[in-house]
Amino acid sequence: MRLKKNDTVKIIAGKDKGVTGKIIKVDPENERVYVQGANMVSKAMRKRNQQDQGGIVKIEAPVHVSNVALVINKSGDTSKVGYKIDANGKKVRYAKKTGEVV
C-alpha cells in the first residue's frame, strides 16, 4: 500500500468528495484507510463503566484507497504515489506529478 499513516489526503470520490484530512489508520488487508473528519457515521455506544458516556457517537468509517489521493503541497494539488530507488540505494516514495520525494 502506497499511503501511510499521517499522510494528508483528499477524497476524490463518494459523498465526501473534496474533503481533505490526515490518515489516522490504515487497513492494508482490505485496502482501506480512515481519514480524519471524512466519511463520518453514527454508532450507538454502550455505557461500559461509571465514567463512560453512552449514546450515539460520530466516528470515521473506512474509505477505499482508490477514492483518495495524496496532497503534495499547500495549494491542495494531488498526485499518485510511486516508488523509486534513490542515490543511496534506498527505496523511497515520490509524487508522480512533480517527481519530488514524499
N, C-alpha and C. Protein backbone atom coordinates (compact mmCIF):
# COMPACT_ATOMS: atom_id res chain seq x y z
N MET A 1 0.84 -1.17 0.00
CA MET A 1 0.00 0.00 0.00
C MET A 1 0.89 1.25 0.00
N ARG A 2 0.57 2.19 -0.85
CA ARG A 2 1.43 3.36 -1.05
C ARG A 2 1.14 4.51 -0.09
N LEU A 3 0.00 4.48 0.57
CA LEU A 3 -0.35 5.53 1.53
C LEU A 3 -0.02 5.06 2.94
N LYS A 4 0.43 5.99 3.77
CA LYS A 4 0.85 5.68 5.14
C LYS A 4 0.07 6.53 6.13
N LYS A 5 0.14 6.13 7.40
CA LYS A 5 -0.49 6.89 8.47
C LYS A 5 0.14 8.29 8.52
N ASN A 6 -0.67 9.30 8.82
CA ASN A 6 -0.29 10.72 8.91
C ASN A 6 -0.07 11.38 7.55
N ASP A 7 -0.29 10.70 6.42
CA ASP A 7 -0.28 11.36 5.12
C ASP A 7 -1.53 12.23 5.00
N THR A 8 -1.40 13.38 4.36
CA THR A 8 -2.55 14.22 4.09
C THR A 8 -3.12 13.82 2.75
N VAL A 9 -4.41 13.49 2.73
CA VAL A 9 -5.05 13.02 1.50
C VAL A 9 -6.32 13.80 1.24
N LYS A 10 -6.80 13.71 0.00
CA LYS A 10 -8.04 14.35 -0.41
C LYS A 10 -8.96 13.27 -0.95
N ILE A 11 -10.23 13.31 -0.54
CA ILE A 11 -11.22 12.36 -1.03
C ILE A 11 -11.59 12.79 -2.46
N ILE A 12 -11.49 11.86 -3.42
CA ILE A 12 -11.74 12.21 -4.82
C ILE A 12 -13.03 11.60 -5.35
N ALA A 13 -13.72 10.77 -4.54
CA ALA A 13 -14.98 10.17 -4.98
C ALA A 13 -15.83 9.85 -3.77
N GLY A 14 -17.14 9.83 -3.97
CA GLY A 14 -18.05 9.47 -2.90
C GLY A 14 -18.73 10.67 -2.29
N LYS A 15 -19.45 10.44 -1.17
CA LYS A 15 -20.26 11.50 -0.56
C LYS A 15 -19.42 12.63 0.03
N ASP A 16 -18.16 12.36 0.39
CA ASP A 16 -17.28 13.37 0.97
C ASP A 16 -16.25 13.88 -0.02
N LYS A 17 -16.58 13.87 -1.31
CA LYS A 17 -15.65 14.32 -2.34
C LYS A 17 -15.17 15.73 -2.06
N GLY A 18 -13.84 15.95 -2.10
CA GLY A 18 -13.26 17.26 -1.88
C GLY A 18 -12.76 17.48 -0.47
N VAL A 19 -13.10 16.60 0.47
CA VAL A 19 -12.66 16.75 1.86
C VAL A 19 -11.19 16.35 1.97
N THR A 20 -10.43 17.17 2.70
CA THR A 20 -9.01 16.89 2.93
C THR A 20 -8.80 16.57 4.40
N GLY A 21 -7.96 15.58 4.69
CA GLY A 21 -7.67 15.22 6.07
C GLY A 21 -6.49 14.27 6.17
N LYS A 22 -6.05 14.02 7.40
CA LYS A 22 -4.93 13.10 7.63
C LYS A 22 -5.44 11.68 7.78
N ILE A 23 -4.61 10.73 7.36
CA ILE A 23 -4.93 9.32 7.57
C ILE A 23 -4.64 8.98 9.02
N ILE A 24 -5.65 8.45 9.72
CA ILE A 24 -5.46 8.10 11.13
C ILE A 24 -5.26 6.61 11.33
N LYS A 25 -5.63 5.80 10.34
CA LYS A 25 -5.47 4.36 10.45
C LYS A 25 -5.44 3.78 9.05
N VAL A 26 -4.63 2.73 8.85
CA VAL A 26 -4.51 2.07 7.55
C VAL A 26 -4.86 0.60 7.72
N ASP A 27 -5.69 0.07 6.81
CA ASP A 27 -6.05 -1.35 6.80
C ASP A 27 -5.59 -1.95 5.47
N PRO A 28 -4.32 -2.39 5.40
CA PRO A 28 -3.79 -2.87 4.12
C PRO A 28 -4.45 -4.17 3.62
N GLU A 29 -4.95 -4.98 4.53
CA GLU A 29 -5.59 -6.24 4.15
C GLU A 29 -6.84 -6.00 3.30
N ASN A 30 -7.63 -4.99 3.67
CA ASN A 30 -8.85 -4.66 2.94
C ASN A 30 -8.70 -3.45 2.03
N GLU A 31 -7.48 -2.92 1.92
CA GLU A 31 -7.15 -1.76 1.08
C GLU A 31 -8.02 -0.55 1.42
N ARG A 32 -8.10 -0.24 2.71
CA ARG A 32 -8.91 0.88 3.18
C ARG A 32 -8.11 1.76 4.13
N VAL A 33 -8.49 3.04 4.18
CA VAL A 33 -7.87 3.99 5.09
C VAL A 33 -8.97 4.74 5.84
N TYR A 34 -8.64 5.19 7.04
CA TYR A 34 -9.53 6.01 7.84
C TYR A 34 -9.01 7.44 7.78
N VAL A 35 -9.81 8.37 7.25
CA VAL A 35 -9.41 9.76 7.08
C VAL A 35 -10.11 10.61 8.14
N GLN A 36 -9.32 11.43 8.84
CA GLN A 36 -9.85 12.26 9.92
C GLN A 36 -10.90 13.24 9.38
N GLY A 37 -12.11 13.16 9.94
CA GLY A 37 -13.18 14.07 9.56
C GLY A 37 -13.92 13.72 8.29
N ALA A 38 -13.63 12.58 7.68
CA ALA A 38 -14.29 12.18 6.44
C ALA A 38 -15.05 10.87 6.64
N ASN A 39 -16.14 10.72 5.92
CA ASN A 39 -16.97 9.51 5.95
C ASN A 39 -17.44 9.20 7.38
N MET A 40 -17.99 10.22 8.03
CA MET A 40 -18.46 10.08 9.41
C MET A 40 -19.78 9.30 9.45
N VAL A 41 -19.87 8.35 10.40
CA VAL A 41 -21.08 7.57 10.61
C VAL A 41 -21.45 7.62 12.08
N SER A 42 -22.73 7.41 12.38
CA SER A 42 -23.20 7.39 13.76
C SER A 42 -23.18 5.96 14.27
N LYS A 43 -22.67 5.78 15.48
CA LYS A 43 -22.60 4.45 16.08
C LYS A 43 -23.14 4.53 17.50
N ALA A 44 -24.00 3.59 17.86
CA ALA A 44 -24.54 3.54 19.21
C ALA A 44 -23.52 2.85 20.11
N MET A 45 -23.07 3.55 21.16
CA MET A 45 -22.07 3.01 22.08
C MET A 45 -22.73 2.71 23.42
N ARG A 46 -22.44 1.54 23.96
CA ARG A 46 -22.97 1.15 25.26
C ARG A 46 -22.11 1.72 26.37
N LYS A 47 -22.73 2.09 27.47
CA LYS A 47 -22.02 2.61 28.63
C LYS A 47 -21.26 1.44 29.27
N ARG A 48 -19.93 1.53 29.35
CA ARG A 48 -19.10 0.43 29.84
C ARG A 48 -18.87 0.51 31.35
N ASN A 49 -18.72 1.73 31.89
CA ASN A 49 -18.50 1.89 33.33
C ASN A 49 -19.10 3.22 33.79
N GLN A 50 -18.88 3.58 35.06
CA GLN A 50 -19.50 4.77 35.63
C GLN A 50 -19.06 6.06 34.92
N GLN A 51 -17.78 6.17 34.56
CA GLN A 51 -17.27 7.39 33.94
C GLN A 51 -17.59 7.47 32.44
N ASP A 52 -17.83 6.34 31.82
CA ASP A 52 -18.02 6.27 30.37
C ASP A 52 -19.37 6.86 29.98
N GLN A 53 -19.39 7.63 28.91
CA GLN A 53 -20.63 8.15 28.37
C GLN A 53 -21.15 7.18 27.32
N GLY A 54 -22.40 6.83 27.39
CA GLY A 54 -23.02 6.02 26.35
C GLY A 54 -23.68 6.92 25.33
N GLY A 55 -24.42 6.35 24.41
CA GLY A 55 -25.18 7.14 23.45
C GLY A 55 -24.66 7.00 22.03
N ILE A 56 -25.07 7.93 21.20
CA ILE A 56 -24.71 7.90 19.79
C ILE A 56 -23.45 8.74 19.58
N VAL A 57 -22.46 8.13 18.93
CA VAL A 57 -21.16 8.77 18.72
C VAL A 57 -20.86 8.81 17.23
N LYS A 58 -20.27 9.90 16.76
CA LYS A 58 -19.83 10.02 15.37
C LYS A 58 -18.39 9.52 15.27
N ILE A 59 -18.14 8.55 14.37
CA ILE A 59 -16.79 8.03 14.16
C ILE A 59 -16.50 7.96 12.66
N GLU A 60 -15.22 7.85 12.32
CA GLU A 60 -14.82 7.74 10.92
C GLU A 60 -14.99 6.31 10.44
N ALA A 61 -15.55 6.14 9.26
CA ALA A 61 -15.66 4.84 8.62
C ALA A 61 -14.55 4.75 7.57
N PRO A 62 -14.16 3.53 7.20
CA PRO A 62 -13.07 3.40 6.23
C PRO A 62 -13.46 3.83 4.81
N VAL A 63 -12.45 4.28 4.06
CA VAL A 63 -12.61 4.69 2.67
C VAL A 63 -11.63 3.86 1.85
N HIS A 64 -12.06 3.38 0.69
CA HIS A 64 -11.16 2.60 -0.16
C HIS A 64 -10.04 3.48 -0.69
N VAL A 65 -8.83 2.92 -0.81
CA VAL A 65 -7.66 3.71 -1.21
C VAL A 65 -7.79 4.27 -2.63
N SER A 66 -8.62 3.67 -3.47
CA SER A 66 -8.80 4.20 -4.82
C SER A 66 -9.59 5.50 -4.81
N ASN A 67 -10.25 5.82 -3.70
CA ASN A 67 -11.06 7.03 -3.60
C ASN A 67 -10.34 8.18 -2.91
N VAL A 68 -9.04 8.02 -2.64
CA VAL A 68 -8.26 9.09 -2.03
C VAL A 68 -7.00 9.33 -2.85
N ALA A 69 -6.49 10.58 -2.78
CA ALA A 69 -5.26 10.95 -3.48
C ALA A 69 -4.38 11.74 -2.52
N LEU A 70 -3.10 11.54 -2.60
CA LEU A 70 -2.14 12.22 -1.73
C LEU A 70 -2.05 13.70 -2.09
N VAL A 71 -2.11 14.57 -1.06
CA VAL A 71 -1.93 16.01 -1.26
C VAL A 71 -0.44 16.30 -1.19
N ILE A 72 0.10 16.97 -2.23
CA ILE A 72 1.55 17.14 -2.31
C ILE A 72 2.04 18.54 -1.94
N ASN A 73 1.14 19.54 -1.87
CA ASN A 73 1.60 20.88 -1.50
C ASN A 73 0.48 21.64 -0.79
N LYS A 74 0.78 22.87 -0.36
CA LYS A 74 -0.16 23.68 0.41
C LYS A 74 -1.40 24.08 -0.38
N SER A 75 -1.29 24.18 -1.69
CA SER A 75 -2.42 24.62 -2.50
C SER A 75 -3.45 23.52 -2.73
N GLY A 76 -3.16 22.30 -2.29
CA GLY A 76 -4.12 21.21 -2.38
C GLY A 76 -4.01 20.35 -3.62
N ASP A 77 -2.91 20.48 -4.38
CA ASP A 77 -2.72 19.64 -5.56
C ASP A 77 -2.51 18.19 -5.12
N THR A 78 -3.05 17.27 -5.91
CA THR A 78 -2.94 15.85 -5.59
C THR A 78 -2.09 15.14 -6.63
N SER A 79 -1.58 13.97 -6.25
CA SER A 79 -0.74 13.20 -7.14
C SER A 79 -0.82 11.73 -6.77
N LYS A 80 -0.53 10.89 -7.74
CA LYS A 80 -0.36 9.47 -7.45
C LYS A 80 1.00 9.28 -6.80
N VAL A 81 1.19 8.14 -6.14
CA VAL A 81 2.43 7.86 -5.44
C VAL A 81 3.13 6.70 -6.12
N GLY A 82 4.44 6.83 -6.30
CA GLY A 82 5.23 5.76 -6.87
C GLY A 82 6.43 5.48 -6.00
N TYR A 83 7.17 4.46 -6.35
CA TYR A 83 8.40 4.10 -5.64
C TYR A 83 9.57 4.18 -6.60
N LYS A 84 10.71 4.63 -6.08
CA LYS A 84 11.94 4.61 -6.87
C LYS A 84 13.12 4.42 -5.93
N ILE A 85 14.24 4.05 -6.48
CA ILE A 85 15.46 3.86 -5.71
C ILE A 85 16.27 5.15 -5.80
N ASP A 86 16.63 5.73 -4.63
CA ASP A 86 17.41 6.97 -4.65
C ASP A 86 18.89 6.68 -4.81
N ALA A 87 19.72 7.71 -4.76
CA ALA A 87 21.16 7.58 -4.99
C ALA A 87 21.84 6.69 -3.95
N ASN A 88 21.30 6.62 -2.75
CA ASN A 88 21.90 5.80 -1.70
C ASN A 88 21.45 4.35 -1.77
N GLY A 89 20.62 4.01 -2.76
CA GLY A 89 20.13 2.65 -2.89
C GLY A 89 18.95 2.35 -2.00
N LYS A 90 18.29 3.40 -1.50
CA LYS A 90 17.16 3.24 -0.61
C LYS A 90 15.86 3.44 -1.39
N LYS A 91 14.84 2.62 -1.08
CA LYS A 91 13.55 2.72 -1.74
C LYS A 91 12.74 3.85 -1.09
N VAL A 92 12.29 4.81 -1.91
CA VAL A 92 11.55 5.97 -1.39
C VAL A 92 10.26 6.16 -2.18
N ARG A 93 9.28 6.81 -1.54
CA ARG A 93 8.03 7.18 -2.20
C ARG A 93 8.21 8.54 -2.85
N TYR A 94 7.58 8.74 -4.02
CA TYR A 94 7.65 10.04 -4.68
C TYR A 94 6.32 10.36 -5.34
N ALA A 95 6.07 11.66 -5.52
CA ALA A 95 4.85 12.12 -6.19
C ALA A 95 5.08 12.02 -7.69
N LYS A 96 4.23 11.29 -8.38
CA LYS A 96 4.42 11.09 -9.82
C LYS A 96 4.21 12.38 -10.63
N LYS A 97 3.39 13.30 -10.12
CA LYS A 97 3.12 14.53 -10.84
C LYS A 97 4.33 15.46 -10.86
N THR A 98 5.01 15.59 -9.72
CA THR A 98 6.12 16.53 -9.61
C THR A 98 7.49 15.86 -9.58
N GLY A 99 7.54 14.59 -9.19
CA GLY A 99 8.80 13.87 -9.10
C GLY A 99 9.51 14.05 -7.78
N GLU A 100 8.96 14.85 -6.86
CA GLU A 100 9.63 15.08 -5.57
C GLU A 100 9.36 13.94 -4.60
N VAL A 101 10.32 13.70 -3.72
CA VAL A 101 10.21 12.63 -2.72
C VAL A 101 9.20 13.04 -1.65
N VAL A 102 8.34 12.10 -1.30
CA VAL A 102 7.31 12.36 -0.28
C VAL A 102 7.87 12.03 1.09
